Amino acid sequence: MKGGFAMPFNKESLLKDHVVHDDISGFLAEGTEISGEIRFKEVLRVDGRITGKVISEKELVVGESGDVEAEVTVGTLSVSGKVTGTIHVKDKLEIHPKGRVVGDVTLEKPNLVIHEGGIFEGNIDMNAGRNEGEYRAYSTEEQRSGPGCSDRRT
């Protein structure tokens, strides 16, 4: 090829079926390491290693060889490799059969999928995006004697 180089892969083979090919912002290949803060607009596929901070309103896809050790704030997180750190997800977290997520996870929506073989280790706060007045934690006494309860003590 004159004036260029041939890549040993094509974009279509790197993406999962659910990712629209035109939406990909970037790809970090296996054997590549980046340390620092990474921001992207659409979809980032990681088959290499990232340490630091990852920020996006859209989707981070971590392939089987991908390793992310970071503070992650994304719209959607799809994990087939390993993600370690403090993780904040707006829309959906999906851990595939070989995927592993380790750390403290906050989900704004209760949208968590862990496929058979997928591993989650850590703490999780689901539905963190709810309005403060929407839910109320009741004490044990309030649960026994609150509205609609039939626990009558004499």
C-alpha atoms as a PDB file:
ATOM      1  CA  MET A   1       0.000   0.000   0.000  1.00  0.00           C
ATOM      2  CA  LYS A   2       1.570   3.279  -1.096  1.00  0.00           C
ATOM      3  CA  GLY A   3       1.806   6.064   1.463  1.00  0.00           C
ATOM      4  CA  GLY A   4       0.327   4.095   4.366  1.00  0.00           C
ATOM      5  CA  PHE A   5       0.424   0.894   6.299  1.00  0.00           C
ATOM      6  CA  ALA A   6      -1.787  -2.155   6.591  1.00  0.00           C
ATOM      7  CA  MET A   7      -3.425  -2.823   9.947  1.00  0.00           C
ATOM      8  CA  PRO A   8      -3.606  -6.484  11.021  1.00  0.00           C
ATOM      9  CA  PHE A   9      -7.285  -6.010  11.955  1.00  0.00           C
ATOM     10  CA  ASN A  10     -10.337  -4.181  10.748  1.00  0.00           C
ATOM     11  CA  LYS A  11     -12.737  -2.079  12.801  1.00  0.00           C
ATOM     12  CA  GLU A  12     -15.678  -4.416  12.239  1.00  0.00           C
ATOM     13  CA  SER A  13     -13.848  -7.420  13.748  1.00  0.00           C
ATOM     14  CA  LEU A  14     -13.077  -5.448  16.913  1.00  0.00           C
ATOM     15  CA  LEU A  15     -16.619  -4.461  17.762  1.00  0.00           C
ATOM     16  CA  LYS A  16     -19.445  -6.385  19.293  1.00  0.00           C
ATOM     17  CA  ASP A  17     -22.711  -6.653  17.411  1.00  0.00           C
ATOM     18  CA  HIS A  18     -24.442  -4.109  19.702  1.00  0.00           C
ATOM     19  CA  VAL A  19     -21.969  -1.305  18.923  1.00  0.00           C
ATOM     20  CA  VAL A  20     -22.778   0.781  15.857  1.00  0.00           C
ATOM     21  CA  HIS A  21     -19.569   0.887  13.801  1.00  0.00           C
ATOM     22  CA  ASP A  22     -19.811   4.608  13.035  1.00  0.00           C
ATOM     23  CA  ASP A  23     -20.085   5.494  16.733  1.00  0.00           C
ATOM     24  CA  ILE A  24     -16.640   4.249  17.796  1.00  0.00           C
ATOM     25  CA  SER A  25     -14.380   7.016  19.077  1.00  0.00           C
ATOM     26  CA  GLY A  26     -11.305   4.907  19.634  1.00  0.00           C
ATOM     27  CA  PHE A  27      -9.619   1.571  20.105  1.00  0.00           C
ATOM     28  CA  LEU A  28      -6.762   0.666  22.425  1.00  0.00           C
ATOM     29  CA  ALA A  29      -5.120  -2.480  21.101  1.00  0.00           C
ATOM     30  CA  GLU A  30      -3.713  -5.356  23.143  1.00  0.00           C
ATOM     31  CA  GLY A  31      -0.152  -4.596  24.242  1.00  0.00           C
ATOM     32  CA  THR A  32      -0.834  -0.847  24.429  1.00  0.00           C
ATOM     33  CA  GLU A  33      -0.838   0.981  27.763  1.00  0.00           C
ATOM     34  CA  ILE A  34      -2.135   4.459  28.589  1.00  0.00           C
ATOM     35  CA  SER A  35      -1.859   6.227  31.925  1.00  0.00           C
ATOM     36  CA  GLY A  36      -3.736   9.449  32.679  1.00  0.00           C
ATOM     37  CA  GLU A  37      -7.161  10.933  32.019  1.00  0.00           C
ATOM     38  CA  ILE A  38      -9.067   9.700  28.976  1.00  0.00           C
ATOM     39  CA  ARG A  39     -12.221  11.375  27.637  1.00  0.00           C
ATOM     40  CA  PHE A  40     -14.200  10.213  24.607  1.00  0.00           C
ATOM     41  CA  LYS A  41     -17.518  11.074  22.943  1.00  0.00           C
ATOM     42  CA  GLU A  42     -19.039   7.819  21.699  1.00  0.00           C
ATOM     43  CA  VAL A  43     -17.557   4.299  22.180  1.00  0.00           C
ATOM     44  CA  LEU A  44     -14.055   3.330  23.305  1.00  0.00           C
ATOM     45  CA  ARG A  45     -12.980  -0.307  22.931  1.00  0.00           C
ATOM     46  CA  VAL A  46     -10.085  -1.307  25.222  1.00  0.00           C
ATOM     47  CA  ASP A  47      -8.092  -4.473  24.633  1.00  0.00           C
ATOM     48  CA  GLY A  48      -4.949  -2.953  26.182  1.00  0.00           C
ATOM     49  CA  ARG A  49      -4.365  -1.417  29.617  1.00  0.00           C
ATOM     50  CA  ILE A  50      -5.575   1.906  31.059  1.00  0.00           C
ATOM     51  CA  THR A  51      -4.640   3.370  34.442  1.00  0.00           C
ATOM     52  CA  GLY A  52      -5.942   6.695  35.725  1.00  0.00           C
ATOM     53  CA  LYS A  53      -9.328   8.177  34.907  1.00  0.00           C
ATOM     54  CA  VAL A  54     -11.885   7.363  32.160  1.00  0.00           C
ATOM     55  CA  ILE A  55     -14.771   9.761  31.442  1.00  0.00           C
ATOM     56  CA  SER A  56     -17.579   9.603  28.872  1.00  0.00           C
ATOM     57  CA  GLU A  57     -21.337  10.014  28.554  1.00  0.00           C
ATOM     58  CA  LYS A  58     -21.365   7.006  26.219  1.00  0.00           C
ATOM     59  CA  GLU A  59     -19.923   3.462  26.276  1.00  0.00           C
ATOM     60  CA  LEU A  60     -16.680   1.881  27.433  1.00  0.00           C
ATOM     61  CA  VAL A  61     -16.187  -1.648  26.068  1.00  0.00           C
ATOM     62  CA  VAL A  62     -13.452  -3.672  27.768  1.00  0.00           C
ATOM     63  CA  GLY A  63     -12.447  -6.675  25.657  1.00  0.00           C
ATOM     64  CA  GLU A  64     -11.193 -10.008  27.043  1.00  0.00           C
ATOM     65  CA  SER A  65      -7.571  -8.832  27.110  1.00  0.00           C
ATOM     66  CA  GLY A  66      -8.549  -5.375  28.384  1.00  0.00           C
ATOM     67  CA  ASP A  67      -7.445  -4.211  31.831  1.00  0.00           C
ATOM     68  CA  VAL A  68      -8.723  -0.918  33.245  1.00  0.00           C
ATOM     69  CA  GLU A  69      -7.526   0.242  36.648  1.00  0.00           C
ATOM     70  CA  ALA A  70      -9.131   3.634  37.030  1.00  0.00           C
ATOM     71  CA  GLU A  71     -11.789   5.963  38.291  1.00  0.00           C
ATOM     72  CA  VAL A  72     -14.432   5.274  35.641  1.00  0.00           C
ATOM     73  CA  THR A  73     -17.429   7.520  34.900  1.00  0.00           C
ATOM     74  CA  VAL A  74     -19.379   6.384  31.827  1.00  0.00           C
ATOM     75  CA  GLY A  75     -22.879   6.010  30.428  1.00  0.00           C
ATOM     76  CA  THR A  76     -22.553   2.278  29.735  1.00  0.00           C
ATOM     77  CA  LEU A  77     -19.839  -0.175  30.773  1.00  0.00           C
ATOM     78  CA  SER A  78     -19.511  -3.545  29.023  1.00  0.00           C
ATOM     79  CA  VAL A  79     -16.814  -5.779  30.532  1.00  0.00           C
ATOM     80  CA  SER A  80     -15.301  -8.947  29.085  1.00  0.00           C
ATOM     81  CA  GLY A  81     -11.859  -8.264  30.596  1.00  0.00           C
ATOM     82  CA  LYS A  82     -11.076  -6.656  33.970  1.00  0.00           C
ATOM     83  CA  VAL A  83     -12.068  -3.302  35.470  1.00  0.00           C
ATOM     84  CA  THR A  84     -10.765  -2.278  38.905  1.00  0.00           C
ATOM     85  CA  GLY A  85     -11.465   0.955  40.755  1.00  0.00           C
ATOM     86  CA  THR A  86     -14.230   3.381  41.581  1.00  0.00           C
ATOM     87  CA  ILE A  87     -16.907   3.027  38.917  1.00  0.00           C
ATOM     88  CA  HIS A  88     -19.892   5.283  38.217  1.00  0.00           C
ATOM     89  CA  VAL A  89     -22.326   4.149  35.502  1.00  0.00           C
ATOM     90  CA  LYS A  90     -25.272   6.216  34.301  1.00  0.00           C
ATOM     91  CA  ASP A  91     -27.225   3.720  32.175  1.00  0.00           C
ATOM     92  CA  LYS A  92     -26.014   0.086  32.271  1.00  0.00           C
ATOM     93  CA  LEU A  93     -23.261  -2.191  33.575  1.00  0.00           C
ATOM     94  CA  GLU A  94     -22.886  -5.539  31.842  1.00  0.00           C
ATOM     95  CA  ILE A  95     -20.334  -8.139  32.927  1.00  0.00           C
ATOM     96  CA  HIS A  96     -19.830 -10.848  30.313  1.00  0.00           C
ATOM     97  CA  PRO A  97     -18.855 -14.502  31.072  1.00  0.00           C
ATOM     98  CA  LYS A  98     -15.098 -13.833  31.309  1.00  0.00           C
ATOM     99  CA  GLY A  99     -15.485 -10.321  32.710  1.00  0.00           C
ATOM    100  CA  ARG A 100     -14.424  -9.196  36.170  1.00  0.00           C
ATOM    101  CA  VAL A 101     -15.306  -5.957  37.980  1.00  0.00           C
ATOM    102  CA  VAL A 102     -13.571  -5.183  41.290  1.00  0.00           C
ATOM    103  CA  GLY A 103     -14.305  -2.088  43.359  1.00  0.00           C
ATOM    104  CA  ASP A 104     -17.009   0.312  44.417  1.00  0.00           C
ATOM    105  CA  VAL A 105     -19.759   0.676  41.805  1.00  0.00           C
ATOM    106  CA  THR A 106     -22.499   3.303  41.656  1.00  0.00           C
ATOM    107  CA  LEU A 107     -25.347   2.771  39.184  1.00  0.00           C
ATOM    108  CA  GLU A 108     -27.744   5.649  38.530  1.00  0.00           C
ATOM    109  CA  LYS A 109     -30.300   3.147  37.215  1.00  0.00           C
ATOM    110  CA  PRO A 110     -30.820  -0.390  38.529  1.00  0.00           C
ATOM    111  CA  ASN A 111     -29.526  -1.851  35.261  1.00  0.00           C
ATOM    112  CA  LEU A 112     -26.915  -4.504  36.083  1.00  0.00           C
ATOM    113  CA  VAL A 113     -26.385  -7.676  34.055  1.00  0.00           C
ATOM    114  CA  ILE A 114     -23.898 -10.323  35.178  1.00  0.00           C
ATOM    115  CA  HIS A 115     -23.731 -13.250  32.785  1.00  0.00           C
ATOM    116  CA  GLU A 116     -22.894 -16.731  34.053  1.00  0.00           C
ATOM    117  CA  GLY A 117     -19.142 -16.803  34.660  1.00  0.00           C
ATOM    118  CA  GLY A 118     -18.919 -13.024  35.145  1.00  0.00           C
ATOM    119  CA  ILE A 119     -17.472 -11.840  38.460  1.00  0.00           C
ATOM    120  CA  PHE A 120     -18.248  -8.812  40.625  1.00  0.00           C
ATOM    121  CA  GLU A 121     -16.267  -8.137  43.812  1.00  0.00           C
ATOM    122  CA  GLY A 122     -16.953  -5.036  45.858  1.00  0.00           C
ATOM    123  CA  ASN A 123     -19.738  -2.723  46.914  1.00  0.00           C
ATOM    124  CA  ILE A 124     -22.609  -1.542  44.778  1.00  0.00           C
ATOM    125  CA  ASP A 125     -25.088   1.318  45.104  1.00  0.00           C
ATOM    126  CA  MET A 126     -27.940   0.701  42.680  1.00  0.00           C
ATOM    127  CA  ASN A 127     -30.478   3.353  41.684  1.00  0.00           C
ATOM    128  CA  ALA A 128     -28.226   6.153  42.914  1.00  0.00           C
ATOM    129  CA  GLY A 129     -29.844   8.577  40.462  1.00  0.00           C
ATOM    130  CA  ARG A 130     -33.197   8.525  42.244  1.00  0.00           C
ATOM    131  CA  ASN A 131     -34.641  11.700  43.688  1.00  0.00           C
ATOM    132  CA  GLU A 132     -34.001  12.130  47.387  1.00  0.00           C
ATOM    133  CA  GLY A 133     -37.736  12.266  48.204  1.00  0.00           C
ATOM    134  CA  GLU A 134     -38.586   9.316  45.993  1.00  0.00           C
ATOM    135  CA  TYR A 135     -37.492   6.637  48.466  1.00  0.00           C
ATOM    136  CA  ARG A 136     -37.385   6.648  52.224  1.00  0.00           C
ATOM    137  CA  ALA A 137     -35.638   4.208  54.511  1.00  0.00           C
ATOM    138  CA  TYR A 138     -37.805   3.292  57.456  1.00  0.00           C
ATOM    139  CA  SER A 139     -36.569   2.252  60.855  1.00  0.00           C
ATOM    140  CA  THR A 140     -37.620  -1.174  62.127  1.00  0.00           C
ATOM    141  CA  GLU A 141     -40.282   0.415  64.350  1.00  0.00           C
ATOM    142  CA  GLU A 142     -41.713   2.450  61.452  1.00  0.00           C
ATOM    143  CA  GLN A 143     -41.880  -0.691  59.324  1.00  0.00           C
ATOM    144  CA  ARG A 144     -43.920  -2.468  62.013  1.00  0.00           C
ATOM    145  CA  SER A 145     -46.345   0.348  62.717  1.00  0.00           C
ATOM    146  CA  GLY A 146     -46.312   2.445  59.559  1.00  0.00           C
ATOM    147  CA  PRO A 147     -49.232   3.038  57.181  1.00  0.00           C
ATOM    148  CA  GLY A 148     -50.831  -0.161  55.989  1.00  0.00           C
ATOM    149  CA  CYS A 149     -49.143  -2.337  58.599  1.00  0.00           C
ATOM    150  CA  SER A 150     -51.232  -4.671  60.715  1.00  0.00           C
ATOM    151  CA  ASP A 151     -48.757  -5.162  63.554  1.00  0.00           C
ATOM    152  CA  ARG A 152     -50.859  -4.200  66.576  1.00  0.00           C
ATOM    153  CA  ARG A 153     -49.217  -4.371  69.931  1.00  0.00           C
ATOM    154  CA  THR A 154     -51.124  -3.996  73.181  1.00  0.00           C
END
